[in-house]
PDB file of N, CA and C in Angstrom:
ATOM      1  N   MET A   1       0.839  -1.192   0.000  1.00  0.00           N
ATOM      2  CA  MET A   1       0.000   0.000   0.000  1.00  0.00           C
ATOM      3  C   MET A   1       0.880   1.251   0.000  1.00  0.00           C
ATOM      4  N   ARG A   2       0.339   2.298  -0.529  1.00  0.00           N
ATOM      5  CA  ARG A   2       1.059   3.566  -0.590  1.00  0.00           C
ATOM      6  C   ARG A   2       0.942   4.301   0.744  1.00  0.00           C
ATOM      7  N   ARG A   3       2.049   4.883   1.173  1.00  0.00           N
ATOM      8  CA  ARG A   3       2.040   5.654   2.426  1.00  0.00           C
ATOM      9  C   ARG A   3       1.278   6.953   2.247  1.00  0.00           C
ATOM     10  N   GLN A   4       0.499   7.288   3.277  1.00  0.00           N
ATOM     11  CA  GLN A   4      -0.280   8.521   3.254  1.00  0.00           C
ATOM     12  C   GLN A   4       0.346   9.498   4.237  1.00  0.00           C
ATOM     13  N   ARG A   5       1.103  10.452   3.684  1.00  0.00           N
ATOM     14  CA  ARG A   5       1.832  11.419   4.495  1.00  0.00           C
ATOM     15  C   ARG A   5       0.918  12.565   4.913  1.00  0.00           C
ATOM     16  N   ALA A   6       1.346  13.255   5.954  1.00  0.00           N
ATOM     17  CA  ALA A   6       0.635  14.438   6.437  1.00  0.00           C
ATOM     18  C   ALA A   6       1.376  15.688   5.963  1.00  0.00           C
ATOM     19  N   ASP A   7       0.690  16.817   5.952  1.00  0.00           N
ATOM     20  CA  ASP A   7       1.301  18.077   5.519  1.00  0.00           C
ATOM     21  C   ASP A   7       2.492  18.472   6.383  1.00  0.00           C
ATOM     22  N   TRP A   8       2.469  18.095   7.657  1.00  0.00           N
ATOM     23  CA  TRP A   8       3.542  18.480   8.572  1.00  0.00           C
ATOM     24  C   TRP A   8       4.796  17.624   8.396  1.00  0.00           C
ATOM     25  N   MET A   9       4.709  16.569   7.618  1.00  0.00           N
ATOM     26  CA  MET A   9       5.839  15.649   7.463  1.00  0.00           C
ATOM     27  C   MET A   9       6.847  16.151   6.430  1.00  0.00           C
ATOM     28  N   ASN A  10       8.110  15.780   6.657  1.00  0.00           N
ATOM     29  CA  ASN A  10       9.205  16.070   5.738  1.00  0.00           C
ATOM     30  C   ASN A  10       9.697  14.763   5.138  1.00  0.00           C
ATOM     31  N   PRO A  11      10.325  14.811   3.966  1.00  0.00           N
ATOM     32  CA  PRO A  11      10.813  13.571   3.345  1.00  0.00           C
ATOM     33  C   PRO A  11      11.731  12.745   4.248  1.00  0.00           C
ATOM     34  N   VAL A  12      12.518  13.405   5.087  1.00  0.00           N
ATOM     35  CA  VAL A  12      13.441  12.670   5.956  1.00  0.00           C
ATOM     36  C   VAL A  12      12.702  11.850   7.013  1.00  0.00           C
ATOM     37  N   ASP A  13      11.461  12.193   7.306  1.00  0.00           N
ATOM     38  CA  ASP A  13      10.694  11.456   8.315  1.00  0.00           C
ATOM     39  C   ASP A  13      10.554   9.983   7.936  1.00  0.00           C
ATOM     40  N   ASP A  14      10.286   9.714   6.672  1.00  0.00           N
ATOM     41  CA  ASP A  14      10.195   8.326   6.214  1.00  0.00           C
ATOM     42  C   ASP A  14      11.536   7.619   6.393  1.00  0.00           C
ATOM     43  N   GLU A  15      12.624   8.325   6.074  1.00  0.00           N
ATOM     44  CA  GLU A  15      13.956   7.737   6.215  1.00  0.00           C
ATOM     45  C   GLU A  15      14.252   7.395   7.673  1.00  0.00           C
ATOM     46  N   ILE A  16      13.877   8.287   8.586  1.00  0.00           N
ATOM     47  CA  ILE A  16      14.086   8.047  10.016  1.00  0.00           C
ATOM     48  C   ILE A  16      13.316   6.807  10.456  1.00  0.00           C
ATOM     49  N   MET A  17      12.045   6.746  10.090  1.00  0.00           N
ATOM     50  CA  MET A  17      11.221   5.612  10.516  1.00  0.00           C
ATOM     51  C   MET A  17      11.677   4.303   9.884  1.00  0.00           C
ATOM     52  N   GLU A  18      12.092   4.339   8.626  1.00  0.00           N
ATOM     53  CA  GLU A  18      12.604   3.129   7.975  1.00  0.00           C
ATOM     54  C   GLU A  18      13.856   2.619   8.677  1.00  0.00           C
ATOM     55  N   LEU A  19      14.749   3.542   9.036  1.00  0.00           N
ATOM     56  CA  LEU A  19      15.978   3.159   9.722  1.00  0.00           C
ATOM     57  C   LEU A  19      15.682   2.582  11.104  1.00  0.00           C
ATOM     58  N   LEU A  20      14.750   3.194  11.831  1.00  0.00           N
ATOM     59  CA  LEU A  20      14.372   2.667  13.144  1.00  0.00           C
ATOM     60  C   LEU A  20      13.677   1.320  13.019  1.00  0.00           C
ATOM     61  N   ASP A  21      12.934   1.118  11.956  1.00  0.00           N
ATOM     62  CA  ASP A  21      12.285  -0.171  11.726  1.00  0.00           C
ATOM     63  C   ASP A  21      13.338  -1.260  11.521  1.00  0.00           C
ATOM     64  N   GLU A  22      14.417  -0.924  10.835  1.00  0.00           N
ATOM     65  CA  GLU A  22      15.497  -1.883  10.586  1.00  0.00           C
ATOM     66  C   GLU A  22      16.358  -2.115  11.824  1.00  0.00           C
ATOM     67  N   SER A  23      16.683  -1.021  12.529  1.00  0.00           N
ATOM     68  CA  SER A  23      17.648  -1.111  13.631  1.00  0.00           C
ATOM     69  C   SER A  23      17.014  -1.381  14.990  1.00  0.00           C
ATOM     70  N   GLY A  24      15.728  -1.082  15.142  1.00  0.00           N
ATOM     71  CA  GLY A  24      15.059  -1.293  16.416  1.00  0.00           C
ATOM     72  C   GLY A  24      15.008  -0.062  17.296  1.00  0.00           C
ATOM     73  N   ALA A  25      16.108   0.705  17.344  1.00  0.00           N
ATOM     74  CA  ALA A  25      16.164   1.914  18.169  1.00  0.00           C
ATOM     75  C   ALA A  25      17.332   2.766  17.697  1.00  0.00           C
ATOM     76  N   GLY A  26      17.285   4.048  18.046  1.00  0.00           N
ATOM     77  CA  GLY A  26      18.388   4.920  17.675  1.00  0.00           C
ATOM     78  C   GLY A  26      18.286   6.267  18.347  1.00  0.00           C
ATOM     79  N   THR A  27      19.422   6.932  18.428  1.00  0.00           N
ATOM     80  CA  THR A  27      19.486   8.300  18.934  1.00  0.00           C
ATOM     81  C   THR A  27      19.493   9.241  17.734  1.00  0.00           C
ATOM     82  N   PRO A  28      19.133  10.502  17.943  1.00  0.00           N
ATOM     83  CA  PRO A  28      19.227  11.443  16.825  1.00  0.00           C
ATOM     84  C   PRO A  28      20.627  11.467  16.201  1.00  0.00           C
ATOM     85  N   GLN A  29      21.654  11.363  17.041  1.00  0.00           N
ATOM     86  CA  GLN A  29      23.017  11.386  16.510  1.00  0.00           C
ATOM     87  C   GLN A  29      23.307  10.164  15.639  1.00  0.00           C
ATOM     88  N   SER A  30      22.911   8.980  16.109  1.00  0.00           N
ATOM     89  CA  SER A  30      23.170   7.776  15.312  1.00  0.00           C
ATOM     90  C   SER A  30      22.370   7.805  14.013  1.00  0.00           C
ATOM     91  N   LEU A  31      21.140   8.303  14.080  1.00  0.00           N
ATOM     92  CA  LEU A  31      20.314   8.418  12.878  1.00  0.00           C
ATOM     93  C   LEU A  31      20.908   9.441  11.913  1.00  0.00           C
ATOM     94  N   ALA A  32      21.351  10.581  12.451  1.00  0.00           N
ATOM     95  CA  ALA A  32      21.951  11.624  11.616  1.00  0.00           C
ATOM     96  C   ALA A  32      23.203  11.110  10.923  1.00  0.00           C
ATOM     97  N   ASN A  33      24.017  10.362  11.644  1.00  0.00           N
ATOM     98  CA  ASN A  33      25.232   9.805  11.043  1.00  0.00           C
ATOM     99  C   ASN A  33      24.889   8.846   9.917  1.00  0.00           C
ATOM    100  N   GLU A  34      23.917   7.996  10.144  1.00  0.00           N
ATOM    101  CA  GLU A  34      23.520   7.007   9.139  1.00  0.00           C
ATOM    102  C   GLU A  34      22.893   7.673   7.907  1.00  0.00           C
ATOM    103  N   LEU A  35      22.125   8.721   8.145  1.00  0.00           N
ATOM    104  CA  LEU A  35      21.418   9.398   7.058  1.00  0.00           C
ATOM    105  C   LEU A  35      22.213  10.560   6.461  1.00  0.00           C
ATOM    106  N   THR A  36      23.401  10.816   7.019  1.00  0.00           N
ATOM    107  CA  THR A  36      24.249  11.961   6.638  1.00  0.00           C
ATOM    108  C   THR A  36      23.448  13.266   6.624  1.00  0.00           C
ATOM    109  N   LYS A  37      22.767  13.500   7.757  1.00  0.00           N
ATOM    110  CA  LYS A  37      21.984  14.722   7.958  1.00  0.00           C
ATOM    111  C   LYS A  37      22.473  15.404   9.235  1.00  0.00           C
ATOM    112  N   ASN A  38      22.023  16.633   9.456  1.00  0.00           N
ATOM    113  CA  ASN A  38      22.380  17.398  10.642  1.00  0.00           C
ATOM    114  C   ASN A  38      21.724  16.804  11.888  1.00  0.00           C
ATOM    115  N   ASN A  39      22.528  16.622  12.938  1.00  0.00           N
ATOM    116  CA  ASN A  39      22.062  16.026  14.192  1.00  0.00           C
ATOM    117  C   ASN A  39      20.895  16.806  14.806  1.00  0.00           C
ATOM    118  N   ASP A  40      21.004  18.130  14.860  1.00  0.00           N
ATOM    119  CA  ASP A  40      19.937  18.943  15.451  1.00  0.00           C
ATOM    120  C   ASP A  40      18.635  18.807  14.659  1.00  0.00           C
ATOM    121  N   TYR A  41      18.738  18.798  13.351  1.00  0.00           N
ATOM    122  CA  TYR A  41      17.556  18.662  12.493  1.00  0.00           C
ATOM    123  C   TYR A  41      16.876  17.311  12.715  1.00  0.00           C
ATOM    124  N   ILE A  42      17.661  16.250  12.800  1.00  0.00           N
ATOM    125  CA  ILE A  42      17.098  14.919  13.037  1.00  0.00           C
ATOM    126  C   ILE A  42      16.435  14.875  14.415  1.00  0.00           C
ATOM    127  N   GLY A  43      17.033  15.529  15.399  1.00  0.00           N
ATOM    128  CA  GLY A  43      16.429  15.594  16.729  1.00  0.00           C
ATOM    129  C   GLY A  43      15.070  16.275  16.708  1.00  0.00           C
ATOM    130  N   VAL A  44      14.969  17.366  15.963  1.00  0.00           N
ATOM    131  CA  VAL A  44      13.695  18.083  15.820  1.00  0.00           C
ATOM    132  C   VAL A  44      12.653  17.182  15.164  1.00  0.00           C
ATOM    133  N   ARG A  45      13.051  16.484  14.112  1.00  0.00           N
ATOM    134  CA  ARG A  45      12.112  15.605  13.412  1.00  0.00           C
ATOM    135  C   ARG A  45      11.686  14.434  14.298  1.00  0.00           C
ATOM    136  N   CYS A  46      12.611  13.876  15.070  1.00  0.00           N
ATOM    137  CA  CYS A  46      12.254  12.775  15.975  1.00  0.00           C
ATOM    138  C   CYS A  46      11.247  13.242  17.018  1.00  0.00           C
ATOM    139  N   ARG A  47      11.452  14.435  17.571  1.00  0.00           N
ATOM    140  CA  ARG A  47      10.507  14.959  18.558  1.00  0.00           C
ATOM    141  C   ARG A  47       9.131  15.179  17.933  1.00  0.00           C
ATOM    142  N   GLU A  48       9.097  15.670  16.706  1.00  0.00           N
ATOM    143  CA  GLU A  48       7.819  15.882  16.017  1.00  0.00           C
ATOM    144  C   GLU A  48       7.121  14.546  15.761  1.00  0.00           C
ATOM    145  N   LEU A  49       7.868  13.560  15.292  1.00  0.00           N
ATOM    146  CA  LEU A  49       7.285  12.236  15.043  1.00  0.00           C
ATOM    147  C   LEU A  49       6.783  11.608  16.342  1.00  0.00           C
ATOM    148  N   ALA A  50       7.511  11.831  17.428  1.00  0.00           N
ATOM    149  CA  ALA A  50       7.084  11.306  18.728  1.00  0.00           C
ATOM    150  C   ALA A  50       5.815  12.018  19.203  1.00  0.00           C
ATOM    151  N   SER A  51       5.731  13.319  18.965  1.00  0.00           N
ATOM    152  CA  SER A  51       4.540  14.066  19.405  1.00  0.00           C
ATOM    153  C   SER A  51       3.286  13.614  18.659  1.00  0.00           C
ATOM    154  N   LYS A  52       3.459  13.048  17.481  1.00  0.00           N
ATOM    155  CA  LYS A  52       2.328  12.553  16.690  1.00  0.00           C
ATOM    156  C   LYS A  52       2.065  11.067  16.908  1.00  0.00           C
ATOM    157  N   GLY A  53       2.914  10.410  17.718  1.00  0.00           N
ATOM    158  CA  GLY A  53       2.678   9.012  18.049  1.00  0.00           C
ATOM    159  C   GLY A  53       3.336   7.999  17.130  1.00  0.00           C
ATOM    160  N   LEU A  54       4.173   8.463  16.193  1.00  0.00           N
ATOM    161  CA  LEU A  54       4.840   7.539  15.274  1.00  0.00           C
ATOM    162  C   LEU A  54       6.129   6.970  15.861  1.00  0.00           C
ATOM    163  N   LEU A  55       6.738   7.722  16.773  1.00  0.00           N
ATOM    164  CA  LEU A  55       7.913   7.266  17.520  1.00  0.00           C
ATOM    165  C   LEU A  55       7.616   7.405  18.996  1.00  0.00           C
ATOM    166  N   GLU A  56       8.369   6.676  19.808  1.00  0.00           N
ATOM    167  CA  GLU A  56       8.314   6.894  21.251  1.00  0.00           C
ATOM    168  C   GLU A  56       9.728   6.948  21.782  1.00  0.00           C
ATOM    169  N   ARG A  57       9.860   7.525  22.973  1.00  0.00           N
ATOM    170  CA  ARG A  57      11.163   7.722  23.590  1.00  0.00           C
ATOM    171  C   ARG A  57      11.206   6.944  24.903  1.00  0.00           C
ATOM    172  N   PRO A  58      11.667   5.684  24.862  1.00  0.00           N
ATOM    173  CA  PRO A  58      11.687   4.877  26.081  1.00  0.00           C
ATOM    174  C   PRO A  58      12.699   5.365  27.113  1.00  0.00           C
ATOM    175  N   SER A  59      13.736   6.054  26.669  1.00  0.00           N
ATOM    176  CA  SER A  59      14.697   6.670  27.579  1.00  0.00           C
ATOM    177  C   SER A  59      15.253   7.915  26.910  1.00  0.00           C
ATOM    178  N   ARG A  60      15.895   8.744  27.696  1.00  0.00           N
ATOM    179  CA  ARG A  60      16.362  10.033  27.191  1.00  0.00           C
ATOM    180  C   ARG A  60      17.240   9.857  25.951  1.00  0.00           C
ATOM    181  N   GLY A  61      16.834  10.505  24.866  1.00  0.00           N
ATOM    182  CA  GLY A  61      17.618  10.519  23.650  1.00  0.00           C
ATOM    183  C   GLY A  61      17.490   9.293  22.765  1.00  0.00           C
ATOM    184  N   LEU A  62      16.726   8.298  23.188  1.00  0.00           N
ATOM    185  CA  LEU A  62      16.578   7.071  22.410  1.00  0.00           C
ATOM    186  C   LEU A  62      15.163   7.001  21.848  1.00  0.00           C
ATOM    187  N   TYR A  63      15.055   6.719  20.577  1.00  0.00           N
ATOM    188  CA  TYR A  63      13.751   6.636  19.920  1.00  0.00           C
ATOM    189  C   TYR A  63      13.534   5.257  19.323  1.00  0.00           C
ATOM    190  N   VAL A  64      12.272   4.818  19.355  1.00  0.00           N
ATOM    191  CA  VAL A  64      11.860   3.563  18.723  1.00  0.00           C
ATOM    192  C   VAL A  64      10.572   3.828  17.948  1.00  0.00           C
ATOM    193  N   LEU A  65      10.318   2.984  16.995  1.00  0.00           N
ATOM    194  CA  LEU A  65       9.109   3.066  16.187  1.00  0.00           C
ATOM    195  C   LEU A  65       7.932   2.487  16.974  1.00  0.00           C
ATOM    196  N   THR A  66       6.800   3.180  16.963  1.00  0.00           N
ATOM    197  CA  THR A  66       5.593   2.673  17.624  1.00  0.00           C
ATOM    198  C   THR A  66       4.829   1.759  16.665  1.00  0.00           C
ATOM    199  N   ASP A  67       3.784   1.129  17.184  1.00  0.00           N
ATOM    200  CA  ASP A  67       2.916   0.324  16.320  1.00  0.00           C
ATOM    201  C   ASP A  67       2.302   1.194  15.224  1.00  0.00           C
ATOM    202  N   GLU A  68       1.948   2.439  15.588  1.00  0.00           N
ATOM    203  CA  GLU A  68       1.396   3.362  14.592  1.00  0.00           C
ATOM    204  C   GLU A  68       2.435   3.679  13.524  1.00  0.00           C
ATOM    205  N   GLY A  69       3.690   3.838  13.949  1.00  0.00           N
ATOM    206  CA  GLY A  69       4.763   4.083  12.991  1.00  0.00           C
ATOM    207  C   GLY A  69       4.933   2.923  12.030  1.00  0.00           C
ATOM    208  N   LYS A  70       4.834   1.715  12.549  1.00  0.00           N
ATOM    209  CA  LYS A  70       4.928   0.525  11.693  1.00  0.00           C
ATOM    210  C   LYS A  70       3.749   0.458  10.731  1.00  0.00           C
ATOM    211  N   GLN A  71       2.564   0.820  11.223  1.00  0.00           N
ATOM    212  CA  GLN A  71       1.381   0.829  10.355  1.00  0.00           C
ATOM    213  C   GLN A  71       1.540   1.867   9.246  1.00  0.00           C
ATOM    214  N   TYR A  72       2.097   3.028   9.595  1.00  0.00           N
ATOM    215  CA  TYR A  72       2.328   4.061   8.583  1.00  0.00           C
ATOM    216  C   TYR A  72       3.280   3.537   7.502  1.00  0.00           C
ATOM    217  N   LEU A  73       4.392   2.935   7.918  1.00  0.00           N
ATOM    218  CA  LEU A  73       5.360   2.419   6.948  1.00  0.00           C
ATOM    219  C   LEU A  73       4.741   1.361   6.039  1.00  0.00           C
ATOM    220  N   ALA A  74       3.814   0.588   6.580  1.00  0.00           N
ATOM    221  CA  ALA A  74       3.148  -0.457   5.794  1.00  0.00           C
ATOM    222  C   ALA A  74       2.035   0.103   4.909  1.00  0.00           C
ATOM    223  N   GLY A  75       1.759   1.409   5.024  1.00  0.00           N
ATOM    224  CA  GLY A  75       0.695   2.017   4.233  1.00  0.00           C
ATOM    225  C   GLY A  75      -0.686   1.786   4.802  1.00  0.00           C
ATOM    226  N   GLU A  76      -0.745   1.390   6.070  1.00  0.00           N
ATOM    227  CA  GLU A  76      -2.023   1.063   6.708  1.00  0.00           C
ATOM    228  C   GLU A  76      -2.562   2.194   7.582  1.00  0.00           C
ATOM    229  N   LEU A  77      -1.825   3.302   7.679  1.00  0.00           N
ATOM    230  CA  LEU A  77      -2.222   4.414   8.542  1.00  0.00           C
ATOM    231  C   LEU A  77      -2.038   5.721   7.782  1.00  0.00           C
ATOM    232  N   ASP A  78      -3.048   6.558   7.808  1.00  0.00           N
ATOM    233  CA  ASP A  78      -2.987   7.886   7.204  1.00  0.00           C
ATOM    234  C   ASP A  78      -2.428   8.844   8.249  1.00  0.00           C
ATOM    235  N   ALA A  79      -1.212   9.323   8.042  1.00  0.00           N
ATOM    236  CA  ALA A  79      -0.554  10.181   9.025  1.00  0.00           C
ATOM    237  C   ALA A  79      -1.279  11.508   9.220  1.00  0.00           C
ATOM    238  N   SER A  80      -2.063  11.936   8.249  1.00  0.00           N
ATOM    239  CA  SER A  80      -2.790  13.200   8.400  1.00  0.00           C
ATOM    240  C   SER A  80      -3.885  13.104   9.458  1.00  0.00           C
ATOM    241  N   GLU A  81      -4.227  11.894   9.876  1.00  0.00           N
ATOM    242  CA  GLU A  81      -5.252  11.711  10.904  1.00  0.00           C
ATOM    243  C   GLU A  81      -4.678  11.730  12.321  1.00  0.00           C
ATOM    244  N   LEU A  82      -3.361  11.854  12.443  1.00  0.00           N
ATOM    245  CA  LEU A  82      -2.725  11.850  13.760  1.00  0.00           C
ATOM    246  C   LEU A  82      -2.781  13.228  14.387  1.00  0.00           C
ATOM    247  N   GLY A  83      -2.928  13.243  15.725  1.00  0.00           N
ATOM    248  CA  GLY A  83      -3.037  14.395  16.569  1.00  0.00           C
ATOM    249  C   GLY A  83      -2.377  15.624  16.166  1.00  0.00           C
TER     250      GLY A  83
END
């Protein structure tokens, strides 16, 4: 199924979630290094994704994909319907 993005999303958001889906967990710094993006920018995007329920932060600075995030990646969730 095709992913249904929200207006607030940026192209890197999919990359972040795909990487977390593969790796299980990551920090903004580890994600930024892997994606060759700015650490601060990735941190901002992770916080935004977490505020919408696509990521969660089980401990300080560590992010994981939520069930909703997995559903979004599978094309089963319309991100524009999130909080």
